PDB file of N, CA and C in Angstrom:
ATOM      1  N   UNK A   1      98.863  91.756  95.546  1.00  0.00           N
ATOM      2  CA  UNK A   1     100.095  91.137  95.068  1.00  0.00           C
ATOM      3  C   UNK A   1     101.285  92.047  95.350  1.00  0.00           C
ATOM      4  N   UNK A   2     102.387  91.447  95.780  1.00  0.00           N
ATOM      5  CA  UNK A   2     103.584  92.221  96.113  1.00  0.00           C
ATOM      6  C   UNK A   2     104.342  92.617  94.846  1.00  0.00           C
ATOM      7  N   UNK A   3     104.864  93.830  94.848  1.00  0.00           N
ATOM      8  CA  UNK A   3     105.726  94.280  93.757  1.00  0.00           C
ATOM      9  C   UNK A   3     107.060  93.536  93.858  1.00  0.00           C
ATOM     10  N   UNK A   4     107.776  93.395  92.724  1.00  0.00           N
ATOM     11  CA  UNK A   4     109.067  92.678  92.765  1.00  0.00           C
ATOM     12  C   UNK A   4     110.029  93.208  93.832  1.00  0.00           C
ATOM     13  N   UNK A   5     110.132  94.530  93.970  1.00  0.00           N
ATOM     14  CA  UNK A   5     111.075  95.067  94.952  1.00  0.00           C
ATOM     15  C   UNK A   5     110.647  94.740  96.384  1.00  0.00           C
ATOM     16  N   UNK A   6     109.332  94.591  96.619  1.00  0.00           N
ATOM     17  CA  UNK A   6     108.849  94.194  97.948  1.00  0.00           C
ATOM     18  C   UNK A   6     109.242  92.745  98.248  1.00  0.00           C
ATOM     19  N   UNK A   7     109.126  91.878  97.246  1.00  0.00           N
ATOM     20  CA  UNK A   7     109.525  90.475  97.414  1.00  0.00           C
ATOM     21  C   UNK A   7     111.021  90.379  97.688  1.00  0.00           C
ATOM     22  N   UNK A   8     111.813  91.126  96.917  1.00  0.00           N
ATOM     23  CA  UNK A   8     113.264  91.100  97.097  1.00  0.00           C
ATOM     24  C   UNK A   8     113.625  91.631  98.480  1.00  0.00           C
ATOM     25  N   UNK A   9     113.024  92.743  98.889  1.00  0.00           N
ATOM     26  CA  UNK A   9     113.309  93.337 100.208  1.00  0.00           C
ATOM     27  C   UNK A   9     112.991  92.352 101.329  1.00  0.00           C
ATOM     28  N   UNK A  10     111.894  91.635 101.195  1.00  0.00           N
ATOM     29  CA  UNK A  10     111.473  90.683 102.231  1.00  0.00           C
ATOM     30  C   UNK A  10     112.461  89.533 102.390  1.00  0.00           C
ATOM     31  N   UNK A  11     113.221  89.235 101.344  1.00  0.00           N
ATOM     32  CA  UNK A  11     114.145  88.097 101.375  1.00  0.00           C
ATOM     33  C   UNK A  11     115.601  88.474 101.635  1.00  0.00           C
ATOM     34  N   UNK A  12     115.885  89.737 101.864  1.00  0.00           N
ATOM     35  CA  UNK A  12     117.261  90.143 102.130  1.00  0.00           C
ATOM     36  C   UNK A  12     117.693  89.727 103.529  1.00  0.00           C
ATOM     37  N   UNK A  13     118.964  89.331 103.655  1.00  0.00           N
ATOM     38  CA  UNK A  13     119.495  89.055 104.987  1.00  0.00           C
ATOM     39  C   UNK A  13     119.904  90.378 105.649  1.00  0.00           C
ATOM     40  N   UNK A  14     120.320  90.320 106.891  1.00  0.00           N
ATOM     41  CA  UNK A  14     120.644  91.544 107.641  1.00  0.00           C
ATOM     42  C   UNK A  14     121.741  92.348 106.955  1.00  0.00           C
ATOM     43  N   UNK A  15     122.794  91.686 106.486  1.00  0.00           N
ATOM     44  CA  UNK A  15     123.872  92.405 105.817  1.00  0.00           C
ATOM     45  C   UNK A  15     123.353  93.128 104.575  1.00  0.00           C
ATOM     46  N   UNK A  16     122.534  92.448 103.787  1.00  0.00           N
ATOM     47  CA  UNK A  16     121.984  93.052 102.574  1.00  0.00           C
ATOM     48  C   UNK A  16     121.047  94.214 102.920  1.00  0.00           C
ATOM     49  N   UNK A  17     120.297  94.092 104.004  1.00  0.00           N
ATOM     50  CA  UNK A  17     119.444  95.204 104.442  1.00  0.00           C
ATOM     51  C   UNK A  17     120.301  96.407 104.812  1.00  0.00           C
ATOM     52  N   UNK A  18     121.424  96.161 105.494  1.00  0.00           N
ATOM     53  CA  UNK A  18     122.346  97.255 105.820  1.00  0.00           C
ATOM     54  C   UNK A  18     122.933  97.860 104.542  1.00  0.00           C
ATOM     55  N   UNK A  19     123.191  97.039 103.544  1.00  0.00           N
ATOM     56  CA  UNK A  19     123.654  97.550 102.245  1.00  0.00           C
ATOM     57  C   UNK A  19     122.575  98.439 101.628  1.00  0.00           C
ATOM     58  N   UNK A  20     121.326  98.018 101.717  1.00  0.00           N
ATOM     59  CA  UNK A  20     120.225  98.797 101.167  1.00  0.00           C
ATOM     60  C   UNK A  20     120.112 100.158 101.848  1.00  0.00           C
ATOM     61  N   UNK A  21     120.273 100.187 103.154  1.00  0.00           N
ATOM     62  CA  UNK A  21     120.254 101.460 103.894  1.00  0.00           C
ATOM     63  C   UNK A  21     121.418 102.338 103.439  1.00  0.00           C
ATOM     64  N   UNK A  22     122.578 101.732 103.249  1.00  0.00           N
ATOM     65  CA  UNK A  22     123.760 102.487 102.817  1.00  0.00           C
ATOM     66  C   UNK A  22     123.548 103.077 101.423  1.00  0.00           C
ATOM     67  N   UNK A  23     122.944 102.318 100.521  1.00  0.00           N
ATOM     68  CA  UNK A  23     122.629 102.850  99.191  1.00  0.00           C
ATOM     69  C   UNK A  23     121.650 104.019  99.322  1.00  0.00           C
ATOM     70  N   UNK A  24     120.662 103.887 100.197  1.00  0.00           N
ATOM     71  CA  UNK A  24     119.709 104.981 100.423  1.00  0.00           C
ATOM     72  C   UNK A  24     120.436 106.234 100.926  1.00  0.00           C
ATOM     73  N   UNK A  25     121.432 106.039 101.781  1.00  0.00           N
ATOM     74  CA  UNK A  25     122.237 107.179 102.245  1.00  0.00           C
ATOM     75  C   UNK A  25     122.984 107.818 101.078  1.00  0.00           C
ATOM     76  N   UNK A  26     123.594 106.972 100.241  1.00  0.00           N
ATOM     77  CA  UNK A  26     124.353 107.480  99.090  1.00  0.00           C
ATOM     78  C   UNK A  26     123.448 108.246  98.123  1.00  0.00           C
ATOM     79  N   UNK A  27     122.230 107.756  97.935  1.00  0.00           N
ATOM     80  CA  UNK A  27     121.273 108.438  97.063  1.00  0.00           C
ATOM     81  C   UNK A  27     120.829 109.748  97.720  1.00  0.00           C
ATOM     82  N   UNK A  28     120.596 109.701  99.025  1.00  0.00           N
ATOM     83  CA  UNK A  28     120.118 110.885  99.751  1.00  0.00           C
ATOM     84  C   UNK A  28     121.100 112.050  99.714  1.00  0.00           C
ATOM     85  N   UNK A  29     122.404 111.745  99.745  1.00  0.00           N
ATOM     86  CA  UNK A  29     123.372 112.852  99.706  1.00  0.00           C
ATOM     87  C   UNK A  29     123.986 113.047  98.319  1.00  0.00           C
ATOM     88  N   UNK A  30     123.394 112.371  97.336  1.00  0.00           N
ATOM     89  CA  UNK A  30     123.780 112.514  95.925  1.00  0.00           C
ATOM     90  C   UNK A  30     125.220 112.084  95.644  1.00  0.00           C
ATOM     91  N   UNK A  31     125.750 111.142  96.448  1.00  0.00           N
ATOM     92  CA  UNK A  31     127.087 110.610  96.174  1.00  0.00           C
ATOM     93  C   UNK A  31     127.018 109.315  95.371  1.00  0.00           C
ATOM     94  N   UNK A  32     125.800 108.908  95.021  1.00  0.00           N
ATOM     95  CA  UNK A  32     125.565 107.687  94.262  1.00  0.00           C
ATOM     96  C   UNK A  32     125.676 107.977  92.767  1.00  0.00           C
ATOM     97  N   UNK A  33     126.315 107.074  92.025  1.00  0.00           N
ATOM     98  CA  UNK A  33     126.532 107.288  90.594  1.00  0.00           C
ATOM     99  C   UNK A  33     125.460 106.651  89.712  1.00  0.00           C
ATOM    100  N   UNK A  34     124.404 106.118  90.316  1.00  0.00           N
ATOM    101  CA  UNK A  34     123.336 105.483  89.521  1.00  0.00           C
ATOM    102  C   UNK A  34     122.507 106.536  88.789  1.00  0.00           C
ATOM    103  N   UNK A  35     121.870 106.092  87.709  1.00  0.00           N
ATOM    104  CA  UNK A  35     120.955 106.996  87.003  1.00  0.00           C
ATOM    105  C   UNK A  35     119.639 107.095  87.780  1.00  0.00           C
ATOM    106  N   UNK A  36     118.770 107.997  87.357  1.00  0.00           N
ATOM    107  CA  UNK A  36     117.531 108.279  88.088  1.00  0.00           C
ATOM    108  C   UNK A  36     116.646 107.035  88.234  1.00  0.00           C
ATOM    109  N   UNK A  37     116.586 106.210  87.190  1.00  0.00           N
ATOM    110  CA  UNK A  37     115.747 105.010  87.252  1.00  0.00           C
ATOM    111  C   UNK A  37     116.276 104.028  88.295  1.00  0.00           C
ATOM    112  N   UNK A  38     117.589 103.806  88.282  1.00  0.00           N
ATOM    113  CA  UNK A  38     118.197 102.896  89.261  1.00  0.00           C
ATOM    114  C   UNK A  38     118.041 103.446  90.680  1.00  0.00           C
ATOM    115  N   UNK A  39     118.204 104.753  90.839  1.00  0.00           N
ATOM    116  CA  UNK A  39     118.010 105.365  92.155  1.00  0.00           C
ATOM    117  C   UNK A  39     116.590 105.115  92.651  1.00  0.00           C
ATOM    118  N   UNK A  40     115.607 105.272  91.770  1.00  0.00           N
ATOM    119  CA  UNK A  40     114.215 105.053  92.147  1.00  0.00           C
ATOM    120  C   UNK A  40     113.991 103.604  92.575  1.00  0.00           C
ATOM    121  N   UNK A  41     114.592 102.659  91.860  1.00  0.00           N
ATOM    122  CA  UNK A  41     114.453 101.240  92.184  1.00  0.00           C
ATOM    123  C   UNK A  41     115.050 100.954  93.563  1.00  0.00           C
ATOM    124  N   UNK A  42     116.254 101.450  93.813  1.00  0.00           N
ATOM    125  CA  UNK A  42     116.907 101.158  95.090  1.00  0.00           C
ATOM    126  C   UNK A  42     116.248 101.896  96.256  1.00  0.00           C
ATOM    127  N   UNK A  43     115.647 103.059  96.014  1.00  0.00           N
ATOM    128  CA  UNK A  43     114.903 103.726  97.078  1.00  0.00           C
ATOM    129  C   UNK A  43     113.591 102.985  97.348  1.00  0.00           C
ATOM    130  N   UNK A  44     112.969 102.437  96.313  1.00  0.00           N
ATOM    131  CA  UNK A  44     111.762 101.620  96.511  1.00  0.00           C
ATOM    132  C   UNK A  44     112.105 100.375  97.332  1.00  0.00           C
ATOM    133  N   UNK A  45     113.249  99.778  97.038  1.00  0.00           N
ATOM    134  CA  UNK A  45     113.715  98.616  97.805  1.00  0.00           C
ATOM    135  C   UNK A  45     113.912  99.017  99.264  1.00  0.00           C
ATOM    136  N   UNK A  46     114.598 100.136  99.492  1.00  0.00           N
ATOM    137  CA  UNK A  46     114.806 100.634 100.860  1.00  0.00           C
ATOM    138  C   UNK A  46     113.458 100.854 101.557  1.00  0.00           C
ATOM    139  N   UNK A  47     112.529 101.508 100.869  1.00  0.00           N
ATOM    140  CA  UNK A  47     111.216 101.802 101.456  1.00  0.00           C
ATOM    141  C   UNK A  47     110.445 100.526 101.811  1.00  0.00           C
ATOM    142  N   UNK A  48     110.730  99.438 101.123  1.00  0.00           N
ATOM    143  CA  UNK A  48     110.021  98.174 101.349  1.00  0.00           C
ATOM    144  C   UNK A  48     110.692  97.285 102.409  1.00  0.00           C
ATOM    145  N   UNK A  49     111.834  97.725 102.931  1.00  0.00           N
ATOM    146  CA  UNK A  49     112.526  96.895 103.920  1.00  0.00           C
ATOM    147  C   UNK A  49     111.648  96.645 105.135  1.00  0.00           C
ATOM    148  N   UNK A  50     111.569  95.388 105.567  1.00  0.00           N
ATOM    149  CA  UNK A  50     110.865  95.127 106.821  1.00  0.00           C
ATOM    150  C   UNK A  50     111.728  95.625 107.985  1.00  0.00           C
ATOM    151  N   UNK A  51     111.127  95.811 109.127  1.00  0.00           N
ATOM    152  CA  UNK A  51     111.853  96.213 110.326  1.00  0.00           C
ATOM    153  C   UNK A  51     112.881  95.123 110.656  1.00  0.00           C
ATOM    154  N   UNK A  52     114.076  95.515 111.074  1.00  0.00           N
ATOM    155  CA  UNK A  52     115.110  94.522 111.392  1.00  0.00           C
ATOM    156  C   UNK A  52     116.133  95.119 112.349  1.00  0.00           C
ATOM    157  N   UNK A  53     116.914  94.246 112.968  1.00  0.00           N
ATOM    158  CA  UNK A  53     117.991  94.665 113.866  1.00  0.00           C
ATOM    159  C   UNK A  53     119.260  94.827 113.034  1.00  0.00           C
ATOM    160  N   UNK A  54     119.667  96.071 112.832  1.00  0.00           N
ATOM    161  CA  UNK A  54     120.849  96.358 112.026  1.00  0.00           C
ATOM    162  C   UNK A  54     122.128  96.070 112.797  1.00  0.00           C
ATOM    163  N   UNK A  55     123.138  95.639 112.058  1.00  0.00           N
ATOM    164  CA  UNK A  55     124.465  95.439 112.640  1.00  0.00           C
ATOM    165  C   UNK A  55     125.297  96.724 112.573  1.00  0.00           C
ATOM    166  N   UNK A  56     124.835  97.696 111.779  1.00  0.00           N
ATOM    167  CA  UNK A  56     125.617  98.904 111.508  1.00  0.00           C
ATOM    168  C   UNK A  56     124.936 100.172 112.001  1.00  0.00           C
ATOM    169  N   UNK A  57     123.630 100.257 111.841  1.00  0.00           N
ATOM    170  CA  UNK A  57     122.888 101.492 112.108  1.00  0.00           C
ATOM    171  C   UNK A  57     121.956 101.358 113.302  1.00  0.00           C
ATOM    172  N   UNK A  58     121.650 102.498 113.939  1.00  0.00           N
ATOM    173  CA  UNK A  58     120.575 102.479 114.927  1.00  0.00           C
ATOM    174  C   UNK A  58     119.305 102.999 114.256  1.00  0.00           C
ATOM    175  N   UNK A  59     118.213 102.966 114.962  1.00  0.00           N
ATOM    176  CA  UNK A  59     116.907 103.326 114.390  1.00  0.00           C
ATOM    177  C   UNK A  59     116.858 104.748 113.828  1.00  0.00           C
ATOM    178  N   UNK A  60     117.668 105.657 114.354  1.00  0.00           N
ATOM    179  CA  UNK A  60     117.614 107.060 113.925  1.00  0.00           C
ATOM    180  C   UNK A  60     118.008 107.241 112.455  1.00  0.00           C
ATOM    181  N   UNK A  61     118.642 106.240 111.876  1.00  0.00           N
ATOM    182  CA  UNK A  61     119.079 106.359 110.478  1.00  0.00           C
ATOM    183  C   UNK A  61     117.878 106.542 109.549  1.00  0.00           C
ATOM    184  N   UNK A  62     116.762 105.916 109.870  1.00  0.00           N
ATOM    185  CA  UNK A  62     115.580 106.009 109.007  1.00  0.00           C
ATOM    186  C   UNK A  62     114.980 107.418 109.040  1.00  0.00           C
ATOM    187  N   UNK A  63     114.982 108.033 110.212  1.00  0.00           N
ATOM    188  CA  UNK A  63     114.506 109.421 110.323  1.00  0.00           C
ATOM    189  C   UNK A  63     115.435 110.351 109.552  1.00  0.00           C
ATOM    190  N   UNK A  64     116.734 110.096 109.624  1.00  0.00           N
ATOM    191  CA  UNK A  64     117.702 110.922 108.896  1.00  0.00           C
ATOM    192  C   UNK A  64     117.464 110.837 107.388  1.00  0.00           C
ATOM    193  N   UNK A  65     117.283 109.642 106.872  1.00  0.00           N
ATOM    194  CA  UNK A  65     117.019 109.467 105.435  1.00  0.00           C
ATOM    195  C   UNK A  65     115.715 110.153 105.055  1.00  0.00           C
ATOM    196  N   UNK A  66     114.688 109.981 105.885  1.00  0.00           N
ATOM    197  CA  UNK A  66     113.395 110.629 105.615  1.00  0.00           C
ATOM    198  C   UNK A  66     113.549 112.154 105.570  1.00  0.00           C
ATOM    199  N   UNK A  67     114.234 112.711 106.552  1.00  0.00           N
ATOM    200  CA  UNK A  67     114.428 114.160 106.602  1.00  0.00           C
ATOM    201  C   UNK A  67     115.217 114.656 105.398  1.00  0.00           C
ATOM    202  N   UNK A  68     116.233 113.908 104.996  1.00  0.00           N
ATOM    203  CA  UNK A  68     117.045 114.305 103.840  1.00  0.00           C
ATOM    204  C   UNK A  68     116.236 114.252 102.548  1.00  0.00           C
ATOM    205  N   UNK A  69     115.266 113.365 102.501  1.00  0.00           N
ATOM    206  CA  UNK A  69     114.416 113.246 101.304  1.00  0.00           C
ATOM    207  C   UNK A  69     113.354 114.344 101.253  1.00  0.00           C
ATOM    208  N   UNK A  70     112.905 114.807 102.416  1.00  0.00           N
ATOM    209  CA  UNK A  70     111.790 115.751 102.448  1.00  0.00           C
ATOM    210  C   UNK A  70     112.204 117.195 102.661  1.00  0.00           C
ATOM    211  N   UNK A  71     113.181 117.438 103.527  1.00  0.00           N
ATOM    212  CA  UNK A  71     113.617 118.814 103.817  1.00  0.00           C
ATOM    213  C   UNK A  71     115.101 118.815 104.171  1.00  0.00           C
ATOM    214  N   UNK A  72     115.938 118.553 103.171  1.00  0.00           N
ATOM    215  CA  UNK A  72     117.374 118.400 103.463  1.00  0.00           C
ATOM    216  C   UNK A  72     118.040 119.705 103.888  1.00  0.00           C
ATOM    217  N   UNK A  73     118.991 119.554 104.802  1.00  0.00           N
ATOM    218  CA  UNK A  73     119.812 120.680 105.244  1.00  0.00           C
ATOM    219  C   UNK A  73     121.277 120.269 105.165  1.00  0.00           C
ATOM    220  N   UNK A  74     122.160 121.238 105.300  1.00  0.00           N
ATOM    221  CA  UNK A  74     123.595 120.937 105.312  1.00  0.00           C
ATOM    222  C   UNK A  74     123.935 119.984 106.463  1.00  0.00           C
ATOM    223  N   UNK A  75     123.253 120.149 107.587  1.00  0.00           N
ATOM    224  CA  UNK A  75     123.499 119.271 108.740  1.00  0.00           C
ATOM    225  C   UNK A  75     123.113 117.824 108.417  1.00  0.00           C
ATOM    226  N   UNK A  76     121.998 117.643 107.690  1.00  0.00           N
ATOM    227  CA  UNK A  76     121.604 116.287 107.280  1.00  0.00           C
ATOM    228  C   UNK A  76     122.683 115.678 106.396  1.00  0.00           C
ATOM    229  N   UNK A  77     123.141 116.440 105.418  1.00  0.00           N
ATOM    230  CA  UNK A  77     124.151 115.932 104.497  1.00  0.00           C
ATOM    231  C   UNK A  77     125.448 115.578 105.217  1.00  0.00           C
ATOM    232  N   UNK A  78     125.832 116.392 106.182  1.00  0.00           N
ATOM    233  CA  UNK A  78     127.056 116.117 106.942  1.00  0.00           C
ATOM    234  C   UNK A  78     126.920 114.816 107.731  1.00  0.00           C
ATOM    235  N   UNK A  79     125.762 114.628 108.358  1.00  0.00           N
ATOM    236  CA  UNK A  79     125.539 113.399 109.135  1.00  0.00           C
ATOM    237  C   UNK A  79     125.430 112.191 108.215  1.00  0.00           C
ATOM    238  N   UNK A  80     124.770 112.352 107.075  1.00  0.00           N
ATOM    239  CA  UNK A  80     124.664 111.251 106.107  1.00  0.00           C
ATOM    240  C   UNK A  80     126.046 110.834 105.623  1.00  0.00           C
ATOM    241  N   UNK A  81     126.876 111.825 105.297  1.00  0.00           N
ATOM    242  CA  UNK A  81     128.229 111.513 104.809  1.00  0.00           C
ATOM    243  C   UNK A  81     128.998 110.704 105.854  1.00  0.00           C
ATOM    244  N   UNK A  82     128.904 111.109 107.100  1.00  0.00           N
ATOM    245  CA  UNK A  82     129.600 110.405 108.184  1.00  0.00           C
ATOM    246  C   UNK A  82     129.073 108.974 108.316  1.00  0.00           C
ATOM    247  N   UNK A  83     127.757 108.818 108.334  1.00  0.00           N
ATOM    248  CA  UNK A  83     127.148 107.478 108.457  1.00  0.00           C
ATOM    249  C   UNK A  83     127.488 106.602 107.248  1.00  0.00           C
ATOM    250  N   UNK A  84     127.431 107.201 106.059  1.00  0.00           N
ATOM    251  CA  UNK A  84     127.710 106.458 104.828  1.00  0.00           C
ATOM    252  C   UNK A  84     129.157 105.976 104.801  1.00  0.00           C
ATOM    253  N   UNK A  85     130.081 106.863 105.168  1.00  0.00           N
ATOM    254  CA  UNK A  85     131.499 106.482 105.155  1.00  0.00           C
ATOM    255  C   UNK A  85     131.791 105.394 106.189  1.00  0.00           C
ATOM    256  N   UNK A  86     131.177 105.508 107.355  1.00  0.00           N
ATOM    257  CA  UNK A  86     131.358 104.494 108.395  1.00  0.00           C
ATOM    258  C   UNK A  86     130.824 103.146 107.903  1.00  0.00           C
ATOM    259  N   UNK A  87     129.651 103.156 107.286  1.00  0.00           N
ATOM    260  CA  UNK A  87     129.062 101.923 106.769  1.00  0.00           C
ATOM    261  C   UNK A  87     129.922 101.319 105.664  1.00  0.00           C
ATOM    262  N   UNK A  88     130.417 102.159 104.771  1.00  0.00           N
ATOM    263  CA  UNK A  88     131.237 101.638 103.661  1.00  0.00           C
ATOM    264  C   UNK A  88     132.563 101.065 104.151  1.00  0.00           C
ATOM    265  N   UNK A  89     133.089 101.587 105.261  1.00  0.00           N
ATOM    266  CA  UNK A  89     134.299 101.000 105.851  1.00  0.00           C
ATOM    267  C   UNK A  89     134.030  99.567 106.297  1.00  0.00           C
ATOM    268  N   UNK A  90     132.821  99.314 106.766  1.00  0.00           N
ATOM    269  CA  UNK A  90     132.432  97.974 107.223  1.00  0.00           C
ATOM    270  C   UNK A  90     132.056  97.086 106.040  1.00  0.00           C
ATOM    271  N   UNK A  91     131.244  97.617 105.126  1.00  0.00           N
ATOM    272  CA  UNK A  91     130.706  96.821 104.014  1.00  0.00           C
ATOM    273  C   UNK A  91     131.760  96.533 102.944  1.00  0.00           C
ATOM    274  N   UNK A  92     132.525  97.488 102.582  1.00  0.00           N
ATOM    275  CA  UNK A  92     133.544  97.490 101.513  1.00  0.00           C
ATOM    276  C   UNK A  92     132.909  97.676 100.132  1.00  0.00           C
ATOM    277  N   UNK A  93     133.669  98.275  99.242  1.00  0.00           N
ATOM    278  CA  UNK A  93     133.194  98.570  97.887  1.00  0.00           C
ATOM    279  C   UNK A  93     132.831  97.297  97.120  1.00  0.00           C
ATOM    280  N   UNK A  94     133.664  96.260  97.242  1.00  0.00           N
ATOM    281  CA  UNK A  94     133.414  95.014  96.511  1.00  0.00           C
ATOM    282  C   UNK A  94     132.103  94.358  96.940  1.00  0.00           C
ATOM    283  N   UNK A  95     131.852  94.313  98.241  1.00  0.00           N
ATOM    284  CA  UNK A  95     130.614  93.700  98.723  1.00  0.00           C
ATOM    285  C   UNK A  95     129.403  94.550  98.332  1.00  0.00           C
ATOM    286  N   UNK A  96     129.578  95.873  98.277  1.00  0.00           N
ATOM    287  CA  UNK A  96     128.473  96.745  97.863  1.00  0.00           C
ATOM    288  C   UNK A  96     128.142  96.502  96.392  1.00  0.00           C
ATOM    289  N   UNK A  97     129.161  96.378  95.559  1.00  0.00           N
ATOM    290  CA  UNK A  97     128.926  96.097  94.137  1.00  0.00           C
ATOM    291  C   UNK A  97     128.219  94.747  93.975  1.00  0.00           C
ATOM    292  N   UNK A  98     128.633  93.758  94.739  1.00  0.00           N
ATOM    293  CA  UNK A  98     128.008  92.436  94.675  1.00  0.00           C
ATOM    294  C   UNK A  98     126.548  92.519  95.129  1.00  0.00           C
ATOM    295  N   UNK A  99     126.272  93.304  96.171  1.00  0.00           N
ATOM    296  CA  UNK A  99     124.897  93.489  96.646  1.00  0.00           C
ATOM    297  C   UNK A  99     124.028  94.091  95.545  1.00  0.00           C
ATOM    298  N   UNK A 100     124.494  95.170  94.927  1.00  0.00           N
ATOM    299  CA  UNK A 100     123.705  95.830  93.873  1.00  0.00           C
ATOM    300  C   UNK A 100     123.442  94.874  92.713  1.00  0.00           C
ATOM    301  N   UNK A 101     124.457  94.121  92.317  1.00  0.00           N
ATOM    302  CA  UNK A 101     124.292  93.163  91.219  1.00  0.00           C
ATOM    303  C   UNK A 101     123.281  92.083  91.598  1.00  0.00           C
ATOM    304  N   UNK A 102     123.348  91.586  92.835  1.00  0.00           N
ATOM    305  CA  UNK A 102     122.411  90.537  93.247  1.00  0.00           C
ATOM    306  C   UNK A 102     120.982  91.069  93.312  1.00  0.00           C
ATOM    307  N   UNK A 103     120.812  92.329  93.738  1.00  0.00           N
ATOM    308  CA  UNK A 103     119.472  92.921  93.773  1.00  0.00           C
ATOM    309  C   UNK A 103     118.928  93.066  92.356  1.00  0.00           C
ATOM    310  N   UNK A 104     119.751  93.544  91.446  1.00  0.00           N
ATOM    311  CA  UNK A 104     119.299  93.700  90.057  1.00  0.00           C
ATOM    312  C   UNK A 104     118.875  92.356  89.480  1.00  0.00           C
ATOM    313  N   UNK A 105     119.662  91.315  89.735  1.00  0.00           N
ATOM    314  CA  UNK A 105     119.340  89.967  89.255  1.00  0.00           C
ATOM    315  C   UNK A 105     118.049  89.463  89.899  1.00  0.00           C
ATOM    316  N   UNK A 106     117.933  89.633  91.218  1.00  0.00           N
ATOM    317  CA  UNK A 106     116.729  89.178  91.928  1.00  0.00           C
ATOM    318  C   UNK A 106     115.484  89.909  91.438  1.00  0.00           C
ATOM    319  N   UNK A 107     115.614  91.195  91.184  1.00  0.00           N
ATOM    320  CA  UNK A 107     114.469  91.961  90.670  1.00  0.00           C
ATOM    321  C   UNK A 107     114.054  91.463  89.304  1.00  0.00           C
ATOM    322  N   UNK A 108     115.022  91.171  88.457  1.00  0.00           N
ATOM    323  CA  UNK A 108     114.724  90.658  87.126  1.00  0.00           C
ATOM    324  C   UNK A 108     114.016  89.305  87.218  1.00  0.00           C
ATOM    325  N   UNK A 109     114.560  88.411  88.030  1.00  0.00           N
ATOM    326  CA  UNK A 109     113.978  87.078  88.188  1.00  0.00           C
ATOM    327  C   UNK A 109     112.560  87.193  88.769  1.00  0.00           C
ATOM    328  N   UNK A 110     112.408  88.007  89.799  1.00  0.00           N
ATOM    329  CA  UNK A 110     111.105  88.162  90.462  1.00  0.00           C
ATOM    330  C   UNK A 110     110.073  88.760  89.523  1.00  0.00           C
ATOM    331  N   UNK A 111     110.494  89.692  88.691  1.00  0.00           N
ATOM    332  CA  UNK A 111     109.529  90.322  87.785  1.00  0.00           C
ATOM    333  C   UNK A 111     109.121  89.372  86.654  1.00  0.00           C
ATOM    334  N   UNK A 112     109.905  88.353  86.392  1.00  0.00           N
ATOM    335  CA  UNK A 112     109.581  87.397  85.339  1.00  0.00           C
ATOM    336  C   UNK A 112     108.736  86.234  85.835  1.00  0.00           C
ATOM    337  N   UNK A 113     108.646  86.074  87.159  1.00  0.00           N
ATOM    338  CA  UNK A 113     107.903  84.929  87.698  1.00  0.00           C
ATOM    339  C   UNK A 113     106.526  85.333  88.184  1.00  0.00           C
TER     340      UNK A 113
END
């Protein structure tokens, strides 16, 4: 049986998947204001993302996030900051807030069904 975050990840559109990657970047460089539990939920969502063609990132973004999670360096953080800022210029703060709210709602609904 799939966990709620796996079900939610499977149903995200490309834009929402790019939002999920951006949240993972924000968590990876500690610029995210979520508490530890919320960070864990959104990283689980990121980890459950199916392979997809991003409109914002190339494939190397996943290796960067992995490296930052396992053996972070100043160079990783600098590259993450650049990628995160570029993504947020495209996504916008309002759309990111809407994405997070929709994920929280979807997770709640999925966990109840």
